[in-house]
Protein backbone atom coordinates (compact mmCIF):
# COMPACT_ATOMS: atom_id res chain seq x y z
CA MET A 1 33.10 114.16 27.07
CA THR A 2 31.37 116.32 29.48
CA ARG A 3 32.94 120.00 30.03
CA PRO A 4 34.14 120.67 33.67
CA ASP A 5 32.05 122.46 35.74
CA PRO A 6 32.61 126.13 35.71
CA ILE A 7 34.65 128.08 38.43
CA ARG A 8 32.53 129.71 40.78
CA PHE A 9 34.00 133.34 41.66
CA ALA A 10 32.73 135.58 44.73
CA VAL A 11 33.27 139.24 44.68
CA VAL A 12 32.98 141.06 48.27
CA GLY A 13 33.09 144.09 47.19
CA GLY A 14 31.76 145.57 44.20
CA GLY A 15 34.01 148.77 43.83
CA PRO A 16 36.88 149.29 41.19
CA ALA A 17 38.73 146.12 41.74
CA GLY A 18 35.87 144.39 42.73
CA THR A 19 33.76 145.32 39.68
CA ALA A 20 36.82 144.43 37.08
CA ALA A 21 37.56 140.93 38.15
CA ALA A 22 34.38 139.75 38.57
CA SER A 23 33.59 141.16 34.84
CA THR A 24 37.20 139.51 33.52
CA SER A 25 36.13 136.33 35.15
CA ALA A 26 32.82 136.19 34.27
CA SER A 27 34.26 136.63 30.53
CA LEU A 28 36.55 133.72 30.87
CA GLY A 29 33.89 131.36 31.54
CA ALA A 30 33.54 131.87 35.62
CA GLU A 31 29.96 131.35 37.45
CA VAL A 32 29.94 134.14 39.41
CA THR A 33 28.51 136.33 42.38
CA ILE A 34 29.45 140.11 43.31
CA VAL A 35 28.42 140.76 47.13
CA GLU A 36 27.85 145.26 47.17
CA LYS A 37 26.11 146.86 50.61
CA ASP A 38 25.83 150.23 48.36
CA ILE A 39 26.04 150.35 45.71
CA LEU A 40 28.20 149.38 42.58
CA GLY A 41 31.33 151.52 42.19
CA GLY A 42 31.84 151.69 45.77
CA ALA A 43 33.09 154.21 47.51
CA ALA A 44 34.42 155.65 44.00
CA HIS A 45 31.47 156.26 42.41
CA LEU A 46 29.88 157.34 45.44
CA TRP A 47 32.34 159.11 48.14
CA ASP A 48 35.90 159.15 46.71
CA CYS A 49 37.06 159.58 43.32
CA ILE A 50 33.86 160.62 41.11
CA PRO A 51 32.18 162.67 43.75
CA SER A 52 35.48 164.41 44.17
CA LYS A 53 36.92 165.04 40.49
CA THR A 54 33.46 166.47 39.90
CA MET A 55 33.14 168.80 42.55
CA GLN A 56 37.04 170.17 41.18
CA ALA A 57 36.07 170.29 37.77
CA ALA A 58 32.92 172.75 39.04
CA SER A 59 36.06 174.93 41.12
CA ILE A 60 38.24 175.14 37.93
CA ARG A 61 35.39 176.89 36.08
CA THR A 62 35.12 178.66 39.13
CA LYS A 63 38.14 180.36 39.44
CA SER A 64 38.65 180.43 35.72
CA MET A 65 35.94 183.26 35.27
CA ARG A 66 37.52 184.78 38.34
CA ASP A 67 40.44 184.90 36.54
CA ALA A 68 39.34 185.26 33.21
CA ALA A 69 40.09 189.12 33.49
CA ASN A 70 43.38 188.28 32.65
CA LEU A 71 43.03 186.84 29.26
CA GLY A 72 40.92 190.12 28.30
CA VAL A 73 37.72 188.75 29.10
CA VAL A 74 34.86 190.99 31.11
CA ALA A 75 32.86 188.10 33.11
CA ARG A 76 31.17 187.91 36.62
CA PRO A 77 32.55 185.70 39.39
CA GLY A 78 30.29 183.05 39.31
CA ASP A 79 28.34 181.96 41.71
CA VAL A 80 28.12 178.59 43.02
CA ASP A 81 24.67 176.37 43.40
CA LEU A 82 25.37 173.38 46.01
CA ALA A 83 22.04 171.97 45.56
CA THR A 84 22.73 171.85 41.68
CA LEU A 85 26.19 170.92 42.22
CA ALA A 86 25.41 168.21 44.90
CA GLN A 87 22.53 166.85 42.16
CA ARG A 88 24.99 166.48 39.18
CA ILE A 89 27.53 164.52 41.43
CA ALA A 90 24.27 162.04 42.37
CA ASN A 91 23.93 162.16 38.93
CA ILE A 92 27.03 161.02 37.50
CA SER A 93 27.34 158.25 40.27
CA ASN A 94 24.05 156.92 39.10
CA ASP A 95 25.21 156.95 35.53
CA LEU A 96 28.11 155.05 36.11
CA THR A 97 26.77 152.55 38.48
CA ASP A 98 23.84 151.62 35.96
CA GLY A 99 26.70 151.42 33.45
CA THR A 100 28.64 149.41 35.33
CA THR A 101 25.66 147.26 36.51
CA ASP A 102 24.19 146.82 33.32
CA LEU A 103 27.47 145.29 31.68
CA LEU A 104 27.63 142.44 34.65
CA GLU A 105 24.00 141.44 34.21
CA SER A 106 24.51 141.44 30.22
CA GLN A 107 27.80 139.14 31.35
CA ASP A 108 25.28 136.85 33.71
CA VAL A 109 26.83 137.93 37.30
CA THR A 110 25.21 137.18 40.15
CA ILE A 111 24.61 140.54 41.59
CA LEU A 112 23.93 140.58 45.42
CA GLN A 113 22.80 143.59 47.58
CA GLY A 114 23.73 143.17 51.54
CA VAL A 115 26.55 142.64 53.43
CA GLY A 116 28.97 139.22 52.76
CA ARG A 117 30.76 137.36 55.48
CA PHE A 118 32.60 134.44 55.29
CA THR A 119 31.53 131.23 57.27
CA GLY A 120 33.53 128.61 56.01
CA PRO A 121 37.08 128.06 53.90
CA HIS A 122 34.13 127.97 50.38
CA GLU A 123 31.41 129.52 52.23
CA LEU A 124 29.65 133.24 51.59
CA THR A 125 26.62 134.19 53.82
CA VAL A 126 25.16 137.25 52.64
CA ASP A 127 23.08 139.65 55.02
CA MET A 128 20.22 140.69 52.62
CA GLU A 129 16.88 142.64 53.13
CA SER A 130 15.10 139.43 51.96
CA GLY A 131 16.85 137.31 54.71
CA GLU A 132 20.31 135.35 54.41
CA ARG A 133 21.83 134.24 51.31
CA VAL A 134 24.62 131.23 51.39
CA VAL A 135 27.00 130.97 48.29
CA GLU A 136 29.78 128.29 48.27
CA PHE A 137 32.51 129.03 45.71
CA ASP A 138 35.84 127.91 44.50
CA VAL A 139 37.56 131.63 44.45
CA ALA A 140 37.13 134.93 46.53
CA LEU A 141 37.83 137.99 46.32
CA VAL A 142 37.77 140.86 49.28
CA SER A 143 37.33 144.01 47.98
CA THR A 144 35.48 146.07 50.97
CA GLY A 145 37.66 149.35 50.07
CA SER A 146 37.77 151.30 53.75
CA VAL A 147 36.30 154.46 55.30
CA PRO A 148 37.88 157.66 56.61
CA ARG A 149 39.81 157.69 59.37
CA VAL A 150 38.22 159.78 62.34
CA PRO A 151 40.53 159.88 65.64
CA ASP A 152 38.58 160.25 69.07
CA TRP A 153 39.55 163.81 69.27
CA ALA A 154 37.27 164.89 66.11
CA PRO A 155 33.57 165.22 66.99
CA ILE A 156 32.09 164.36 63.35
CA ASP A 157 28.64 165.97 62.92
CA GLY A 158 28.09 166.02 58.93
CA GLN A 159 27.54 170.08 59.21
CA ARG A 160 30.34 171.70 60.81
CA VAL A 161 32.76 168.59 61.48
CA LEU A 162 33.41 166.68 58.12
CA THR A 163 34.68 163.60 56.84
CA THR A 164 35.93 163.95 52.79
CA ARG A 165 32.79 161.75 52.26
CA ASP A 166 30.45 164.50 54.49
CA ALA A 167 31.56 167.42 51.76
CA TYR A 168 29.78 167.32 48.71
CA ASP A 169 26.15 167.71 49.54
CA LEU A 170 26.54 170.95 51.86
CA ASP A 171 23.92 173.58 52.23
CA VAL A 172 26.11 176.53 52.55
CA MET A 173 29.88 177.60 50.98
CA PRO A 174 31.69 177.72 53.87
CA ASP A 175 32.66 180.96 54.86
CA HIS A 176 36.03 179.64 56.33
CA MET A 177 37.53 175.56 55.88
CA ILE A 178 39.97 174.38 57.82
CA VAL A 179 41.48 170.96 56.03
CA ILE A 180 43.25 168.64 58.71
CA GLY A 181 45.74 166.69 56.92
CA SER A 182 48.02 168.06 53.83
CA GLY A 183 48.13 164.30 51.74
CA VAL A 184 46.53 164.08 48.49
CA THR A 185 43.91 164.43 49.66
CA GLY A 186 43.55 167.80 51.87
CA VAL A 187 45.74 169.54 49.62
CA GLU A 188 42.86 169.09 46.88
CA PHE A 189 39.81 169.81 48.98
CA VAL A 190 41.84 172.72 49.78
CA ASN A 191 42.08 173.88 46.17
CA ILE A 192 38.49 172.85 46.05
CA PHE A 193 37.14 175.09 48.43
CA SER A 194 39.24 178.41 48.25
CA SER A 195 39.00 178.12 44.46
CA PHE A 196 34.73 178.32 45.85
CA GLY A 197 36.57 181.16 47.37
CA SER A 198 36.37 180.33 50.68
CA ASP A 199 38.38 180.88 53.40
CA VAL A 200 40.81 177.62 53.58
CA SER A 201 43.20 176.94 56.34
CA LEU A 202 45.20 174.07 56.31
CA LEU A 203 47.09 172.39 59.09
CA VAL A 204 50.38 170.71 57.66
CA SER A 205 51.47 168.48 60.57
CA ARG A 206 55.01 168.15 59.17
CA GLN A 207 56.92 171.41 57.23
CA GLN A 208 55.67 170.96 53.84
CA VAL A 209 52.51 169.97 51.88
CA LEU A 210 52.12 166.50 50.38
CA PRO A 211 55.31 165.75 53.19
CA HIS A 212 56.45 162.02 50.94
CA ARG A 213 56.54 164.20 47.85
CA ASP A 214 59.65 165.97 45.93
CA PRO A 215 60.10 169.10 47.93
CA GLU A 216 60.06 170.90 44.80
CA VAL A 217 56.76 169.63 43.94
CA ALA A 218 55.40 170.67 47.63
CA ALA A 219 56.62 173.96 47.42
CA THR A 220 55.23 174.45 43.71
CA LEU A 221 52.24 174.00 45.24
CA GLU A 222 52.55 176.23 48.85
CA GLU A 223 53.37 179.24 46.32
CA ASP A 224 49.70 178.81 44.44
CA PHE A 225 48.34 178.15 47.78
CA LEU A 226 49.79 181.51 48.89
CA GLU A 227 49.00 183.17 46.14
CA ARG A 228 45.21 181.93 46.98
CA GLY A 229 45.50 183.62 50.17
CA VAL A 230 45.30 179.86 52.70
CA LYS A 231 46.98 180.00 55.19
CA LEU A 232 49.62 176.97 56.15
CA LEU A 233 50.19 176.03 59.43
CA LYS A 234 53.60 173.92 59.43
CA GLY A 235 53.95 171.83 62.31
CA ALA A 236 50.58 171.82 63.08
CA ARG A 237 48.96 168.40 64.14
CA GLY A 238 45.47 168.77 65.58
CA ASP A 239 44.10 167.09 68.51
CA GLY A 240 40.86 168.52 69.19
CA ILE A 241 37.99 170.11 67.71
CA THR A 242 35.02 172.22 69.34
CA VAL A 243 31.89 173.38 67.45
CA ASP A 244 31.23 176.99 68.83
CA GLY A 245 27.55 177.69 68.03
CA ASN A 246 28.15 178.55 63.83
CA GLU A 247 31.69 177.94 64.46
CA VAL A 248 35.09 175.63 64.96
CA VAL A 249 37.85 175.86 66.53
CA VAL A 250 40.79 173.47 65.62
CA SER A 251 43.38 173.17 68.90
CA VAL A 252 46.95 171.94 67.79
CA GLU A 253 48.95 169.79 69.67
CA ASP A 254 51.79 172.70 70.21
CA GLY A 255 49.34 174.93 72.01
CA ARG A 256 47.92 176.86 68.47
CA SER A 257 44.32 176.61 68.23
CA ILE A 258 42.25 178.45 64.49
CA ARG A 259 38.84 179.02 63.91
CA GLY A 260 36.47 178.77 61.65
CA SER A 261 33.10 177.79 60.24
CA HIS A 262 33.78 174.08 59.04
CA ALA A 263 36.59 171.75 59.67
CA LEU A 264 37.28 169.07 57.22
CA LEU A 265 39.15 165.61 58.39
CA ALA A 266 41.58 163.98 55.55
CA ILE A 267 43.84 162.49 57.36
CA GLY A 268 43.61 158.64 55.72
CA SER A 269 41.63 155.64 55.74
CA VAL A 270 41.01 152.61 57.58
CA PRO A 271 40.28 148.81 55.63
CA LEU A 272 37.27 147.63 56.19
CA THR A 273 38.37 144.27 57.32
CA ALA A 274 36.92 143.66 60.82
CA GLY A 275 33.83 141.01 61.27
CA ILE A 276 34.07 139.53 57.62
CA GLY A 277 35.59 136.05 58.74
CA LEU A 278 39.15 136.64 57.68
CA ASP A 279 40.55 135.84 60.97
CA ASP A 280 38.07 132.42 60.64
CA LEU A 281 39.72 131.77 57.86
CA GLY A 282 43.69 132.32 58.78
CA VAL A 283 44.28 134.87 56.70
CA ASP A 284 47.06 136.64 57.59
CA MET A 285 46.57 141.06 58.62
CA GLU A 286 48.76 143.46 59.36
CA HIS A 287 47.23 146.60 61.60
CA GLY A 288 43.62 145.84 59.08
CA PHE A 289 45.26 145.20 55.61
CA VAL A 290 45.52 141.93 54.33
CA ARG A 291 48.38 140.72 53.66
CA VAL A 292 48.68 139.60 49.85
CA ASP A 293 51.72 138.53 47.49
CA GLN A 294 52.32 139.21 44.01
CA TRP A 295 49.64 138.02 42.63
CA GLN A 296 47.45 138.97 45.35
CA ARG A 297 46.83 136.12 46.81
CA THR A 298 46.13 136.33 50.30
CA SER A 299 47.98 133.61 52.95
CA VAL A 300 44.75 131.36 52.17
CA PRO A 301 45.48 130.37 48.00
CA HIS A 302 41.78 130.75 46.69
CA ILE A 303 41.13 133.80 48.94
CA TYR A 304 42.97 137.04 46.67
CA ALA A 305 42.45 140.73 48.46
CA ALA A 306 42.88 144.07 46.05
CA GLY A 307 42.00 147.72 46.63
CA ASP A 308 42.11 149.63 50.03
CA VAL A 309 42.09 146.68 51.94
CA THR A 310 45.77 145.38 51.19
CA GLY A 311 47.15 148.67 52.26
CA GLN A 312 48.53 148.95 48.81
CA MET A 313 48.43 152.05 46.25
CA PRO A 314 44.85 153.62 46.87
CA LEU A 315 44.30 154.50 43.62
CA SER A 316 40.62 153.52 41.33
CA SER A 317 43.32 152.34 38.69
CA VAL A 318 44.96 150.11 40.51
CA ALA A 319 42.61 148.45 42.45
CA THR A 320 41.15 148.06 39.08
CA MET A 321 43.90 146.46 37.36
CA GLN A 322 44.18 144.50 40.61
CA GLY A 323 40.53 143.04 39.74
CA ARG A 324 41.81 142.09 36.07
CA LYS A 325 44.71 140.35 36.97
CA ILE A 326 43.75 138.78 39.59
CA ALA A 327 40.47 137.41 37.41
CA GLN A 328 43.07 136.16 34.76
CA HIS A 329 45.50 133.83 37.97
CA ALA A 330 42.28 132.97 39.23
CA LEU A 331 41.02 131.07 35.99
CA GLY A 332 45.00 129.98 34.91
CA ARG A 333 45.52 132.77 32.41
CA PRO A 334 48.79 133.51 31.59
CA VAL A 335 49.33 136.80 33.30
CA ASN A 336 52.23 139.34 34.29
CA ALA A 337 52.54 141.26 38.32
CA ILE A 338 52.05 144.78 38.47
CA GLU A 339 54.99 146.93 38.84
CA TYR A 340 54.05 149.03 41.26
CA SER A 341 56.87 151.90 39.89
CA ASN A 342 55.63 152.11 36.94
CA VAL A 343 52.06 153.06 37.50
CA ALA A 344 50.91 156.74 36.87
CA GLN A 345 49.19 159.07 39.59
CA ALA A 346 48.48 162.59 40.22
CA ILE A 347 46.86 165.00 42.44
CA PHE A 348 43.22 166.88 41.31
CA THR A 349 44.68 170.36 42.44
CA GLU A 350 45.29 173.52 39.91
CA PRO A 351 48.07 173.16 38.97
CA GLU A 352 48.00 169.41 38.92
CA ILE A 353 50.54 166.90 39.89
CA ALA A 354 51.43 163.83 38.16
CA SER A 355 54.59 161.64 38.41
CA VAL A 356 55.49 157.94 37.39
CA GLY A 357 58.14 155.82 38.04
CA LEU A 358 60.22 156.08 40.47
CA GLU A 359 61.21 159.88 42.08
CA GLU A 360 64.65 161.24 41.81
CA ALA A 361 65.65 160.30 45.51
CA GLN A 362 64.13 157.20 45.19
CA LEU A 363 66.09 156.55 42.60
CA ALA A 364 69.45 157.77 44.59
CA ALA A 365 68.34 155.90 47.45
CA ALA A 366 67.70 152.33 45.77
CA GLY A 367 71.55 153.12 44.10
CA ARG A 368 70.28 153.87 40.32
CA ARG A 369 72.39 156.74 38.42
CA VAL A 370 70.06 158.84 37.00
CA ARG A 371 70.11 162.27 34.69
CA VAL A 372 67.20 164.90 35.61
CA THR A 373 65.92 167.50 32.48
CA LYS A 374 63.78 169.72 33.93
CA VAL A 375 61.90 172.41 31.68
CA PRO A 376 59.55 175.46 33.20
CA PHE A 377 55.68 176.06 31.81
CA ALA A 378 56.97 179.67 31.41
CA SER A 379 58.75 178.86 28.63
CA ASN A 380 56.47 176.89 26.31
CA SER A 381 54.08 178.96 23.96
CA ARG A 382 50.50 177.20 24.68
CA SER A 383 51.15 177.64 28.83
CA VAL A 384 51.67 181.26 27.87
CA ILE A 385 48.92 181.32 26.18
CA GLN A 386 46.72 180.16 28.09
CA ALA A 387 48.27 181.69 31.91
CA GLN A 388 48.80 178.70 32.68
CA THR A 389 52.77 178.89 33.38
CA ARG A 390 53.79 177.63 36.97
CA GLY A 391 55.07 174.29 37.41
CA PHE A 392 57.33 172.11 35.13
CA VAL A 393 57.95 168.64 33.83
CA LYS A 394 61.10 166.64 35.21
CA VAL A 395 62.01 163.55 33.22
CA TYR A 396 64.26 160.69 34.76
CA SER A 397 66.68 159.12 33.21
CA ASP A 398 69.42 156.50 32.69
CA PRO A 399 72.43 157.67 31.85
CA ALA A 400 74.25 154.88 30.64
CA THR A 401 71.42 153.14 29.15
CA HIS A 402 69.35 156.52 28.13
CA GLU A 403 65.97 154.71 29.41
CA VAL A 404 63.06 156.45 30.86
CA LEU A 405 62.77 156.22 34.50
CA GLY A 406 60.50 158.35 35.28
CA GLY A 407 59.01 161.87 35.18
CA THR A 408 57.21 164.36 37.13
CA ILE A 409 54.30 167.03 36.02
CA VAL A 410 53.48 170.10 37.86
CA GLY A 411 51.17 171.91 35.80
CA HIS A 412 48.16 172.48 33.77
CA ARG A 413 46.51 169.02 32.50
CA ALA A 414 48.98 167.30 34.22
CA SER A 415 47.23 163.83 35.22
CA GLU A 416 46.92 163.67 31.07
CA LEU A 417 50.36 164.30 29.95
CA ILE A 418 51.37 161.88 32.77
CA GLY A 419 50.58 159.05 30.42
CA ILE A 420 53.59 159.71 27.26
CA LEU A 421 55.78 159.59 30.29
CA ALA A 422 53.67 156.32 31.74
CA LEU A 423 54.28 155.01 28.25
CA ALA A 424 57.42 155.69 28.03
CA VAL A 425 58.34 154.01 31.27
CA GLN A 426 56.23 150.65 30.69
CA GLY A 427 57.56 150.06 26.78
CA GLU A 428 61.50 150.97 28.65
CA VAL A 429 61.72 153.32 26.34
CA GLU A 430 65.03 155.55 25.25
CA VAL A 431 64.82 159.01 25.92
CA GLY A 432 65.80 159.63 22.55
CA VAL A 433 62.69 158.72 21.07
CA LEU A 434 61.29 161.16 23.10
CA MET A 435 63.51 163.48 21.53
CA GLU A 436 62.15 162.54 17.80
CA THR A 437 58.57 162.48 18.76
CA LEU A 438 57.08 165.75 17.11
CA MET A 439 53.98 166.84 18.97
CA VAL A 440 51.42 169.43 18.08
CA HIS A 441 52.45 173.00 18.21
CA PRO A 442 51.41 175.10 20.76
CA SER A 443 50.87 172.11 23.07
CA LEU A 444 51.57 171.86 26.82
CA SER A 445 53.43 168.25 25.38
CA GLU A 446 56.02 170.08 23.70
CA SER A 447 57.73 170.24 27.36
CA LEU A 448 57.97 166.73 27.35
CA VAL A 449 60.26 166.96 24.14
CA GLU A 450 62.12 170.02 25.37
CA ALA A 451 62.55 168.32 28.89
CA ALA A 452 64.31 165.29 26.47
CA HIS A 453 66.28 167.29 24.69
């Protein structure tokens, strides 16, 4: 009896989704080819998640040194060596890329550096430096990612007018950074540059930062920004940027304008789906995003899509899980669809903001009865000791079943603490289990128990 030929799995885009799918499908016996035009790990390693969080780590240390006197420590505020920071970002990105490459090579995954485009229902043509190469496949994944959205009125030059991807190797620290966009990415860069000591102004297109978040969360972050000296321009939608010597002038639709040394654009992203042959295959798309079902299949069943190209939650953790589940589904393994309301997510400001499950307003809109309990970090011993008392813990539960439905944490290390609530939501844990859990004392995690009570 002959063994069937292995499934040929082609992955276009080597970011978190693509590398996870490649590794998982290879471990399940597939013959895998992955195509990436830059580096394995994709934009997450090269320009987005890893570089920004590395920069944030440096900004936290800088601000901690500035605030050390509050803890009785006499220290000279640190100066930021941008060249050393840029090199550290590059080193970390390279190390992570090398680790990903080593893993895939150990699994006999074929890695092609180039640009892939579909030239047939089961054929991929890869443009490489050495020429074209044709890859035949049974199943394919599109995970080509996205790029920052740049409107016509923003003359990006990488020097004074920046996208987020230009922010990691600046020659000089901005005297006055104007951040355009008050979503997740925008507020993270406000936190970074204000911590480094730059003057920062933030254009807020609506009446609160993080417009789609709990107003109490937004108010807590705004309080921190104002304490830092950040200038908030609310109801300000940018419509022009002019470079004037060593300064930039950002104009607003209502006639206002603001002058600074640099402007940074953080107003969303655009999926990289054009020119790769999806239209010719008949793949359904909407505004450039690939439409998928609960298994991440496109309208062409043997073509899957994951990550930023789908317009779903643009998180590396989500893309990685999508990639793993796609591989399992494509190779006929039993797999559960992702429950997106159970995804833990974080905003890396200081205080950090993290949440899991639906928020209070969303639960109410869905007709769910909800009990909300809240504990401020000002009542937590560890927070007081660390002089990190801004923020709170909120736990949402069902008053009838007592099941934990979700939670929001604003405070120091919220991105780590949210894992406890994520496990509770995923495991459909009752509030009583949290109440009976003995946490370390003193610790920030005690606030979760207090909120359960």
